[in-house]
Amino acid sequence: MNRQSLSDVSYSTYWLADPGRPAARGPLTGELAADLVVIGGGYTGLWTAIIAKERDPRREVVLIEGGRIGHAASGRNGGFVAASLTHGFANGYSRWPEEIAELERLGLENLQGIEDTIERYGIDCEWERTGALDVATEPHQIDALRQGVELARQHGVGVEFLDGAAVRAEIGSPRFLAGAYDRRGTALVNPAKLAWGLAEAAEKLGVHIFEGTFATGLARDGAGMQVRTSMGRIRARHVALGTNVYPSLVKRARLFTIPVYDYALMTEPLTAEQRAAIGWEKRQGLSDSGNQFHYFRQTADNRILWGGYDAIYHYGGKLDPSHEHRQETYHRLADHFFDTFPQLEGLKFSHAWGGAIDTCTRFAAFFGAAYGGRVAYAAGYTGLGVAATRFGADVMLDLLAGEPTARTRTRMVSSKPLPFPPEPVRWAGVELTRRSLIHADANGGRRNLWLKAMDAVGFGFDS
């Protein structure tokens, strides 16, 4: 166990610890009127506010956030900006095979829209269009990876298969046996800087942003809505909910998500010799192919972020700051890091943190409207939402406008995932699934009867 590598670690989110973090904005007090109220200051809410103003600059838009801009998943994630709207091609194809080509097109269009927005507003967020590699680390994963590449290429997805020698020429790890390389479909970003930059861009467009302002309830108000907050209220024609992992103000939407905690480590900056020892000159974002998988990438200051593997659900689905650190997981991640990169033995980790992901049963976001079309929501990104949240913002604004678009006509948008059962069945099912996935990884990928049953009914526990 590599305890020494964690001896000086700071239990804080590397991205959010940036000394350049903007000062807190004040809360909303009293009453306010607007055309659109956006609830949530993560990516979903920020994109919604920006796109709403771009569509109609005259629209009065107010955004409220209970904490700080980007303080939750939007500021804690790995910074992978993937074009896929469906948590990967395989998941999308298994659920919506007849429209997968359209979903892939929309995903690439959405990714380009993010890049264009960053350039248009001069957002300094360390954007890199690096592409991504999914690597096999066990023999049984090689054929599955090859078959996935072949299926994706049949549907026009630009991904290529790399054998062991080819993938190790890209990144020097003895554990890498093969790879699937998507050269253009993923970018890397500093996630907190992206959130802060989007907030600044929104304000320049005329959006009013209030932090420290909790939305406590929704109610009809004539032809519009009233949003009750911790210290006031807002009357508006429309409301967009970007609360994601937090309990939705549309109660029926709460059945579709649970909070699952994910964890990450960040290394010290690598020396020139350490960088040379691993190669990785193209700086691709990486993930491995296990059911319990790792994701890892380089940062602008030559650190390595190493996260994933454990995904922890707590009974009752309560969000609690005490869940944001887990020593057992940190030590496991450190061990796995040095198994993957033994040539970096002696490197230390500077930061360790965790956060909650809004997980749903189909592993891809869902959308809906309520209160007669006055309220829209998007949630359930399941850990792959950095890019997909912009798509979700567009969908919510489409739903509020009440006019069909290429987005809203897809089955992905018009359908819902299966809801989670109530406790204690929920906890038992999640725990049984987690243990079954661990067993499958240790037994050549063979899925037991429980996982096969989950596959049959459409629960998306495949990673």
Protein backbone atom coordinates (compact mmCIF):
# COMPACT_ATOMS: atom_id res chain seq x y z
CA MET A 1 0.00 0.00 0.00
CA ASN A 2 1.40 3.38 -1.08
CA ARG A 3 0.67 5.30 2.12
CA GLN A 4 3.74 7.50 1.66
CA SER A 5 2.30 8.87 -1.59
CA LEU A 6 -0.63 10.30 0.41
CA SER A 7 1.37 11.54 3.40
CA ASP A 8 1.15 15.23 2.46
CA VAL A 9 -2.17 15.20 0.63
CA SER A 10 -4.65 18.07 0.95
CA TYR A 11 -8.24 16.85 1.29
CA SER A 12 -9.64 19.45 -1.05
CA THR A 13 -10.67 19.71 -4.67
CA TYR A 14 -7.64 20.71 -6.72
CA TRP A 15 -9.65 22.73 -9.24
CA LEU A 16 -11.62 24.68 -6.63
CA ALA A 17 -8.50 25.42 -4.53
CA ASP A 18 -7.29 27.77 -7.27
CA PRO A 19 -6.32 31.14 -5.68
CA GLY A 20 -7.90 32.80 -8.70
CA ARG A 21 -11.38 31.62 -7.72
CA PRO A 22 -13.82 34.52 -8.14
CA ALA A 23 -15.22 36.25 -5.08
CA ALA A 24 -18.63 35.10 -3.93
CA ARG A 25 -21.66 36.90 -5.30
CA GLY A 26 -24.32 38.10 -2.93
CA PRO A 27 -27.65 36.35 -2.26
CA LEU A 28 -31.07 37.37 -3.52
CA THR A 29 -33.15 39.19 -0.93
CA GLY A 30 -36.69 40.41 -1.39
CA GLU A 31 -38.75 40.05 -4.56
CA LEU A 32 -37.77 40.00 -8.21
CA ALA A 33 -39.44 39.48 -11.59
CA ALA A 34 -37.92 37.80 -14.65
CA ASP A 35 -38.82 36.04 -17.87
CA LEU A 36 -36.73 32.97 -16.95
CA VAL A 37 -35.41 31.75 -13.62
CA VAL A 38 -32.58 29.22 -13.79
CA ILE A 39 -32.07 27.20 -10.60
CA GLY A 40 -28.57 25.81 -10.20
CA GLY A 41 -25.16 27.35 -10.84
CA GLY A 42 -23.44 24.32 -12.34
CA TYR A 43 -22.96 23.66 -16.03
CA THR A 44 -26.62 22.91 -16.78
CA GLY A 45 -27.81 26.18 -15.29
CA LEU A 46 -24.98 28.28 -16.70
CA TRP A 47 -25.43 26.97 -20.23
CA THR A 48 -29.17 27.51 -19.97
CA ALA A 49 -28.71 31.13 -18.93
CA ILE A 50 -26.21 31.86 -21.71
CA ILE A 51 -28.16 30.16 -24.49
CA ALA A 52 -31.41 31.79 -23.34
CA LYS A 53 -29.82 35.23 -23.73
CA GLU A 54 -28.21 34.30 -27.04
CA ARG A 55 -31.58 33.17 -28.38
CA ASP A 56 -33.32 36.33 -27.16
CA PRO A 57 -31.12 39.12 -25.75
CA ARG A 58 -34.23 40.95 -24.48
CA ARG A 59 -35.16 38.10 -22.15
CA GLU A 60 -34.69 38.87 -18.45
CA VAL A 61 -32.79 35.92 -16.98
CA VAL A 62 -32.03 35.30 -13.31
CA LEU A 63 -29.83 32.45 -12.07
CA ILE A 64 -29.80 31.40 -8.42
CA GLU A 65 -27.35 29.02 -6.78
CA GLY A 66 -27.58 27.64 -3.25
CA GLY A 67 -23.81 27.51 -2.75
CA ARG A 68 -21.08 28.88 -5.02
CA ILE A 69 -20.89 28.72 -8.82
CA GLY A 70 -19.44 25.34 -9.82
CA HIS A 71 -18.96 24.12 -6.25
CA ALA A 72 -20.52 20.67 -6.78
CA ALA A 73 -20.01 18.21 -9.67
CA SER A 74 -19.23 20.97 -12.16
CA GLY A 75 -16.12 21.97 -10.20
CA ARG A 76 -15.06 18.52 -9.02
CA ASN A 77 -15.10 16.35 -12.15
CA GLY A 78 -12.19 15.11 -14.21
CA GLY A 79 -12.62 17.68 -16.96
CA PHE A 80 -13.43 15.21 -19.77
CA VAL A 81 -15.59 16.95 -22.38
CA ALA A 82 -16.91 14.04 -24.44
CA ALA A 83 -19.06 14.48 -27.52
CA SER A 84 -21.22 11.48 -26.63
CA LEU A 85 -24.65 12.38 -25.27
CA THR A 86 -25.37 8.76 -24.39
CA HIS A 87 -22.50 7.84 -22.04
CA GLY A 88 -20.58 6.28 -24.90
CA PHE A 89 -21.53 4.80 -28.25
CA ALA A 90 -22.21 1.30 -26.89
CA ASN A 91 -24.74 2.51 -24.32
CA GLY A 92 -26.47 4.72 -26.87
CA TYR A 93 -26.60 1.99 -29.51
CA SER A 94 -28.04 -0.54 -27.06
CA ARG A 95 -30.90 1.84 -26.19
CA TRP A 96 -31.61 3.86 -29.34
CA PRO A 97 -30.06 1.96 -32.28
CA GLU A 98 -32.43 3.50 -34.81
CA GLU A 99 -31.33 7.06 -33.98
CA ILE A 100 -27.73 6.55 -32.89
CA ALA A 101 -26.40 8.31 -36.00
CA GLU A 102 -28.50 11.38 -35.21
CA LEU A 103 -27.43 11.34 -31.55
CA GLU A 104 -23.79 11.12 -32.58
CA ARG A 105 -24.28 14.03 -34.98
CA LEU A 106 -25.97 16.11 -32.30
CA GLY A 107 -23.19 15.26 -29.87
CA LEU A 108 -20.41 16.42 -32.18
CA GLU A 109 -22.38 19.55 -33.01
CA ASN A 110 -22.78 20.22 -29.29
CA LEU A 111 -19.07 19.71 -28.60
CA GLN A 112 -18.17 22.17 -31.35
CA GLY A 113 -20.67 24.59 -29.86
CA ILE A 114 -18.81 24.45 -26.55
CA GLU A 115 -15.49 25.15 -28.26
CA ASP A 116 -17.02 28.03 -30.22
CA THR A 117 -18.51 29.54 -27.04
CA ILE A 118 -15.18 29.35 -25.22
CA GLU A 119 -13.52 31.16 -28.12
CA ARG A 120 -16.32 33.70 -28.55
CA TYR A 121 -16.27 34.82 -24.91
CA GLY A 122 -12.53 34.40 -24.36
CA ILE A 123 -12.98 31.88 -21.53
CA ASP A 124 -9.63 30.85 -20.06
CA CYS A 125 -10.30 27.24 -19.05
CA GLU A 126 -7.29 25.28 -20.37
CA TRP A 127 -9.28 23.78 -23.24
CA GLU A 128 -7.43 21.05 -25.18
CA ARG A 129 -8.99 19.02 -28.02
CA THR A 130 -6.86 15.97 -27.20
CA GLY A 131 -9.13 13.06 -28.06
CA ALA A 132 -9.50 10.04 -25.79
CA LEU A 133 -8.23 6.50 -25.40
CA ASP A 134 -10.17 3.65 -23.82
CA VAL A 135 -7.62 0.97 -22.88
CA ALA A 136 -7.88 -2.75 -22.16
CA THR A 137 -6.02 -3.84 -19.03
CA GLU A 138 -7.23 -7.47 -18.95
CA PRO A 139 -7.08 -10.05 -21.79
CA HIS A 140 -10.86 -10.51 -21.96
CA GLN A 141 -11.31 -6.80 -22.63
CA ILE A 142 -9.33 -6.86 -25.89
CA ASP A 143 -11.96 -8.57 -28.05
CA ALA A 144 -14.74 -6.51 -26.50
CA LEU A 145 -12.82 -3.35 -27.32
CA ARG A 146 -12.18 -4.49 -30.90
CA GLN A 147 -15.83 -5.42 -31.45
CA GLY A 148 -16.94 -2.06 -30.03
CA VAL A 149 -14.63 -0.22 -32.42
CA GLU A 150 -15.94 -2.21 -35.40
CA LEU A 151 -19.57 -1.50 -34.50
CA ALA A 152 -18.88 2.19 -33.97
CA ARG A 153 -17.05 2.51 -37.29
CA GLN A 154 -19.99 0.85 -39.08
CA HIS A 155 -22.07 3.79 -37.88
CA GLY A 156 -19.61 6.46 -38.93
CA VAL A 157 -17.90 7.04 -35.58
CA GLY A 158 -14.24 7.93 -36.09
CA VAL A 159 -12.58 5.58 -33.63
CA GLU A 160 -9.69 3.20 -34.29
CA PHE A 161 -8.38 0.04 -32.63
CA LEU A 162 -4.80 0.00 -31.34
CA ASP A 163 -3.01 -3.22 -30.47
CA GLY A 164 -0.81 -3.52 -27.39
CA ALA A 165 2.36 -2.18 -28.99
CA ALA A 166 0.52 0.74 -30.56
CA VAL A 167 -1.24 1.80 -27.38
CA ARG A 168 1.94 1.51 -25.30
CA ALA A 169 3.68 3.70 -27.87
CA GLU A 170 1.13 6.37 -26.97
CA ILE A 171 1.34 5.95 -23.18
CA GLY A 172 3.96 3.84 -21.44
CA SER A 173 2.17 1.45 -19.12
CA PRO A 174 2.83 -2.30 -18.93
CA ARG A 175 -0.86 -2.80 -18.12
CA PHE A 176 -2.19 -1.51 -21.44
CA LEU A 177 -3.02 -4.39 -23.80
CA ALA A 178 -5.07 -2.60 -26.47
CA GLY A 179 -6.91 0.64 -27.03
CA ALA A 180 -9.80 2.37 -28.77
CA TYR A 181 -8.68 5.81 -29.93
CA ASP A 182 -11.13 8.63 -30.67
CA ARG A 183 -8.93 11.45 -31.90
CA ARG A 184 -11.49 14.30 -32.05
CA GLY A 185 -14.51 13.40 -29.93
CA THR A 186 -13.15 14.51 -26.55
CA ALA A 187 -11.57 17.64 -25.16
CA LEU A 188 -10.02 18.28 -21.76
CA VAL A 189 -10.76 21.31 -19.65
CA ASN A 190 -10.16 22.79 -16.22
CA PRO A 191 -13.73 22.23 -14.98
CA ALA A 192 -13.84 24.95 -12.34
CA LYS A 193 -12.41 27.56 -14.69
CA LEU A 194 -15.02 26.57 -17.27
CA ALA A 195 -17.82 27.13 -14.73
CA TRP A 196 -16.36 30.47 -13.60
CA GLY A 197 -15.86 31.57 -17.19
CA LEU A 198 -19.41 30.66 -18.17
CA ALA A 199 -20.74 32.65 -15.21
CA GLU A 200 -18.72 35.69 -16.27
CA ALA A 201 -19.95 35.33 -19.85
CA ALA A 202 -23.54 35.05 -18.65
CA GLU A 203 -23.23 38.24 -16.63
CA LYS A 204 -21.80 40.09 -19.61
CA LEU A 205 -24.91 39.05 -21.52
CA GLY A 206 -27.07 40.54 -18.79
CA VAL A 207 -27.88 37.51 -16.63
CA HIS A 208 -28.36 38.31 -12.94
CA ILE A 209 -26.57 35.72 -10.77
CA PHE A 210 -27.19 35.23 -7.06
CA GLU A 211 -25.17 32.82 -4.93
CA GLY A 212 -26.07 31.57 -1.46
CA THR A 213 -29.71 31.51 -2.56
CA PHE A 214 -31.57 28.23 -2.05
CA ALA A 215 -34.76 27.56 -3.99
CA THR A 216 -37.25 26.15 -1.51
CA GLY A 217 -40.34 25.65 -3.65
CA LEU A 218 -42.31 26.22 -6.85
CA ALA A 219 -45.90 27.36 -7.27
CA ARG A 220 -48.12 28.53 -10.10
CA ASP A 221 -48.54 32.29 -10.24
CA GLY A 222 -51.17 33.29 -12.77
CA ALA A 223 -49.81 32.52 -16.23
CA GLY A 224 -46.31 32.02 -14.81
CA MET A 225 -44.47 30.59 -11.84
CA GLN A 226 -43.27 31.71 -8.46
CA VAL A 227 -39.92 30.48 -7.10
CA ARG A 228 -39.61 30.69 -3.34
CA THR A 229 -36.07 31.14 -2.08
CA SER A 230 -34.33 31.17 1.28
CA MET A 231 -34.69 34.96 1.56
CA GLY A 232 -37.21 36.03 -1.05
CA ARG A 233 -39.14 35.03 -4.14
CA ILE A 234 -39.05 35.47 -7.90
CA ARG A 235 -41.98 35.66 -10.30
CA ALA A 236 -41.23 34.43 -13.78
CA ARG A 237 -42.83 33.12 -16.92
CA HIS A 238 -40.57 30.06 -17.04
CA VAL A 239 -38.26 28.07 -14.76
CA ALA A 240 -35.35 25.82 -15.77
CA LEU A 241 -34.05 23.33 -13.20
CA GLY A 242 -30.35 22.49 -13.29
CA THR A 243 -30.15 20.98 -9.81
CA ASN A 244 -28.98 17.55 -11.03
CA VAL A 245 -27.87 15.50 -7.99
CA TYR A 246 -29.86 17.62 -5.55
CA PRO A 247 -33.53 16.73 -4.94
CA SER A 248 -35.60 18.12 -7.79
CA LEU A 249 -38.29 20.71 -7.12
CA VAL A 250 -40.41 18.58 -9.48
CA LYS A 251 -40.97 15.73 -7.07
CA ARG A 252 -41.79 13.05 -9.64
CA ALA A 253 -38.33 13.56 -11.19
CA ARG A 254 -36.69 12.47 -7.92
CA LEU A 255 -37.54 8.83 -8.65
CA PHE A 256 -35.09 8.74 -11.55
CA THR A 257 -31.78 9.63 -9.87
CA ILE A 258 -29.65 8.58 -6.94
CA PRO A 259 -26.43 10.21 -5.67
CA VAL A 260 -23.33 8.05 -6.13
CA TYR A 261 -20.02 9.28 -4.75
CA ASP A 262 -16.93 9.27 -6.95
CA TYR A 263 -13.35 10.04 -5.87
CA ALA A 264 -10.16 11.38 -7.41
CA LEU A 265 -6.49 12.00 -6.67
CA MET A 266 -4.20 14.63 -8.16
CA THR A 267 -0.44 14.18 -8.30
CA GLU A 268 2.30 16.71 -7.82
CA PRO A 269 3.63 18.18 -11.07
CA LEU A 270 5.77 15.63 -12.92
CA THR A 271 9.38 16.39 -13.69
CA ALA A 272 10.65 16.33 -17.26
CA GLU A 273 12.21 12.92 -16.56
CA GLN A 274 8.95 11.52 -15.20
CA ARG A 275 7.02 12.80 -18.20
CA ALA A 276 9.55 11.23 -20.53
CA ALA A 277 9.21 7.90 -18.68
CA ILE A 278 5.53 7.59 -19.55
CA GLY A 279 5.38 9.27 -22.95
CA TRP A 280 1.79 10.47 -23.30
CA GLU A 281 2.91 13.33 -25.51
CA LYS A 282 -0.52 13.78 -27.14
CA ARG A 283 -2.11 14.27 -23.72
CA GLN A 284 -5.21 12.19 -24.49
CA GLY A 285 -7.84 11.65 -21.85
CA LEU A 286 -7.80 8.00 -20.78
CA SER A 287 -10.10 5.46 -19.18
CA ASP A 288 -9.77 1.72 -18.77
CA SER A 289 -12.34 -0.88 -19.72
CA GLY A 290 -13.37 -2.50 -16.46
CA ASN A 291 -16.88 -2.29 -15.05
CA GLN A 292 -15.17 -0.45 -12.21
CA PHE A 293 -13.02 1.83 -14.30
CA HIS A 294 -10.43 4.53 -13.80
CA TYR A 295 -10.30 7.81 -15.69
CA PHE A 296 -7.06 9.78 -15.91
CA ARG A 297 -5.59 12.76 -17.68
CA GLN A 298 -2.84 15.36 -17.57
CA THR A 299 -3.36 18.93 -16.43
CA ALA A 300 -1.96 22.16 -17.81
CA ASP A 301 0.71 22.19 -15.08
CA ASN A 302 1.80 18.58 -15.82
CA ARG A 303 0.01 16.77 -13.02
CA ILE A 304 -1.98 13.57 -13.45
CA LEU A 305 -5.56 13.33 -12.27
CA TRP A 306 -6.46 9.73 -11.38
CA GLY A 307 -10.07 8.97 -10.43
CA GLY A 308 -12.95 6.56 -10.51
CA TYR A 309 -13.16 2.85 -9.69
CA ASP A 310 -15.24 2.97 -6.50
CA ALA A 311 -18.77 4.32 -6.88
CA ILE A 312 -20.42 4.51 -3.46
CA TYR A 313 -24.15 4.78 -2.75
CA HIS A 314 -25.21 5.46 0.82
CA TYR A 315 -28.46 4.12 2.20
CA GLY A 316 -31.30 6.57 1.79
CA GLY A 317 -29.48 8.60 -0.84
CA LYS A 318 -28.60 11.39 1.54
CA LEU A 319 -26.14 14.06 0.45
CA ASP A 320 -23.67 14.60 3.25
CA PRO A 321 -20.28 16.40 3.29
CA SER A 322 -18.92 13.50 5.37
CA HIS A 323 -19.27 11.28 2.28
CA GLU A 324 -16.89 13.44 0.24
CA HIS A 325 -13.74 11.76 1.56
CA ARG A 326 -13.08 8.02 1.83
CA GLN A 327 -9.65 6.85 2.95
CA GLU A 328 -10.21 3.28 1.77
CA THR A 329 -10.84 4.52 -1.76
CA TYR A 330 -7.90 6.94 -1.75
CA HIS A 331 -5.49 4.16 -0.77
CA ARG A 332 -6.98 1.84 -3.39
CA LEU A 333 -6.64 4.49 -6.08
CA ALA A 334 -3.03 5.15 -5.11
CA ASP A 335 -2.20 1.43 -5.35
CA HIS A 336 -3.85 1.20 -8.76
CA PHE A 337 -1.99 4.28 -9.99
CA PHE A 338 1.42 2.78 -9.29
CA ASP A 339 0.34 -0.58 -10.73
CA THR A 340 -0.39 1.30 -13.93
CA PHE A 341 2.68 3.55 -13.86
CA PRO A 342 5.37 1.73 -11.86
CA GLN A 343 8.01 4.05 -13.36
CA LEU A 344 6.47 6.89 -11.30
CA GLU A 345 7.08 5.22 -7.94
CA GLY A 346 7.91 7.92 -5.39
CA LEU A 347 5.56 10.50 -6.89
CA LYS A 348 3.20 12.02 -4.33
CA PHE A 349 -0.43 13.08 -4.47
CA SER A 350 -1.18 16.69 -3.63
CA HIS A 351 -5.01 16.61 -3.49
CA ALA A 352 -7.75 14.08 -2.79
CA TRP A 353 -11.48 14.72 -3.05
CA GLY A 354 -14.87 13.26 -3.82
CA GLY A 355 -18.31 14.35 -4.89
CA ALA A 356 -21.76 13.11 -5.78
CA ILE A 357 -22.87 12.16 -9.29
CA ASP A 358 -26.54 12.19 -10.36
CA THR A 359 -26.88 8.60 -11.57
CA CYS A 360 -29.86 7.23 -13.46
CA THR A 361 -30.67 3.73 -14.67
CA ARG A 362 -30.00 4.34 -18.35
CA PHE A 363 -26.63 6.07 -17.75
CA ALA A 364 -27.61 9.04 -19.92
CA ALA A 365 -29.45 12.25 -19.14
CA PHE A 366 -33.23 12.56 -19.18
CA PHE A 367 -35.45 15.58 -19.65
CA GLY A 368 -38.98 16.74 -18.97
CA ALA A 369 -41.46 19.52 -18.40
CA ALA A 370 -43.96 20.23 -15.65
CA TYR A 371 -46.55 22.80 -14.56
CA GLY A 372 -48.11 22.92 -18.01
CA GLY A 373 -44.82 23.55 -19.78
CA ARG A 374 -43.76 26.42 -17.53
CA VAL A 375 -40.96 24.40 -15.90
CA ALA A 376 -38.30 22.23 -17.57
CA TYR A 377 -35.65 19.98 -16.08
CA ALA A 378 -32.61 17.97 -17.13
CA ALA A 379 -30.70 15.51 -14.93
CA GLY A 380 -29.13 12.05 -14.74
CA TYR A 381 -25.86 12.69 -16.58
CA THR A 382 -24.19 9.85 -14.63
CA GLY A 383 -20.68 11.22 -14.67
CA LEU A 384 -20.47 12.20 -18.33
CA GLY A 385 -22.13 15.59 -18.28
CA VAL A 386 -19.46 18.21 -18.89
CA ALA A 387 -20.49 18.44 -22.55
CA ALA A 388 -23.97 16.93 -22.36
CA THR A 389 -25.17 19.65 -19.99
CA ARG A 390 -25.05 22.15 -22.85
CA PHE A 391 -27.29 19.84 -24.86
CA GLY A 392 -29.55 19.57 -21.81
CA ALA A 393 -29.78 23.36 -21.65
CA ASP A 394 -30.84 23.50 -25.29
CA VAL A 395 -33.45 20.80 -24.67
CA MET A 396 -34.92 22.62 -21.68
CA LEU A 397 -35.22 25.85 -23.65
CA ASP A 398 -36.81 23.94 -26.54
CA LEU A 399 -39.35 22.43 -24.14
CA LEU A 400 -40.14 25.80 -22.61
CA ALA A 401 -40.59 27.29 -26.09
CA GLY A 402 -43.06 24.50 -26.89
CA GLU A 403 -41.81 23.98 -30.43
CA PRO A 404 -40.42 20.60 -31.61
CA THR A 405 -36.77 20.54 -32.66
CA ALA A 406 -34.31 17.91 -33.88
CA ARG A 407 -33.36 17.44 -30.24
CA THR A 408 -36.84 17.02 -28.78
CA ARG A 409 -37.95 14.67 -31.56
CA THR A 410 -35.42 12.02 -30.49
CA ARG A 411 -36.56 9.09 -28.36
CA MET A 412 -33.67 9.80 -26.03
CA VAL A 413 -35.25 13.13 -25.14
CA SER A 414 -38.89 12.05 -25.22
CA SER A 415 -38.42 8.93 -23.06
CA LYS A 416 -37.54 8.47 -19.39
CA PRO A 417 -35.28 5.97 -17.62
CA LEU A 418 -36.71 3.33 -15.34
CA PRO A 419 -37.20 4.71 -11.83
CA PHE A 420 -35.28 3.38 -8.85
CA PRO A 421 -37.27 1.34 -6.34
CA PRO A 422 -37.82 2.65 -2.79
CA GLU A 423 -35.57 1.74 0.13
CA PRO A 424 -34.51 -0.77 1.33
CA VAL A 425 -34.82 -2.45 -2.09
CA ARG A 426 -32.88 0.39 -3.70
CA TRP A 427 -29.82 0.02 -1.48
CA ALA A 428 -29.87 -3.77 -1.72
CA GLY A 429 -30.13 -3.65 -5.50
CA VAL A 430 -27.31 -1.13 -5.90
CA GLU A 431 -25.06 -3.06 -3.53
CA LEU A 432 -25.78 -6.40 -5.22
CA THR A 433 -25.06 -4.82 -8.58
CA ARG A 434 -21.79 -3.30 -7.37
CA ARG A 435 -20.59 -6.63 -6.01
CA SER A 436 -21.66 -8.40 -9.20
CA LEU A 437 -19.66 -5.97 -11.31
CA ILE A 438 -16.59 -6.54 -9.14
CA HIS A 439 -17.07 -10.29 -9.59
CA ALA A 440 -17.41 -9.89 -13.36
CA ASP A 441 -14.18 -7.91 -13.57
CA ALA A 442 -12.38 -10.66 -11.67
CA ASN A 443 -13.86 -13.45 -13.79
CA GLY A 444 -13.14 -12.60 -17.39
CA GLY A 445 -16.05 -10.18 -17.72
CA ARG A 446 -18.67 -12.90 -17.27
CA ARG A 447 -21.93 -11.37 -16.05
CA ASN A 448 -23.88 -13.32 -13.45
CA LEU A 449 -27.63 -13.90 -13.41
CA TRP A 450 -28.29 -10.68 -11.53
CA LEU A 451 -26.47 -8.53 -14.10
CA LYS A 452 -28.15 -10.38 -16.96
CA ALA A 453 -31.52 -9.67 -15.35
CA MET A 454 -30.63 -5.98 -15.01
CA ASP A 455 -29.58 -5.93 -18.66
CA ALA A 456 -32.88 -7.50 -19.66
CA VAL A 457 -35.05 -4.90 -17.92
CA GLY A 458 -32.94 -1.96 -19.07
CA PHE A 459 -31.10 -0.91 -15.91
CA GLY A 460 -27.83 0.57 -17.14
CA PHE A 461 -25.27 -0.73 -14.71
CA ASP A 462 -22.58 -1.45 -17.27
CA SER A 463 -19.78 0.70 -15.89
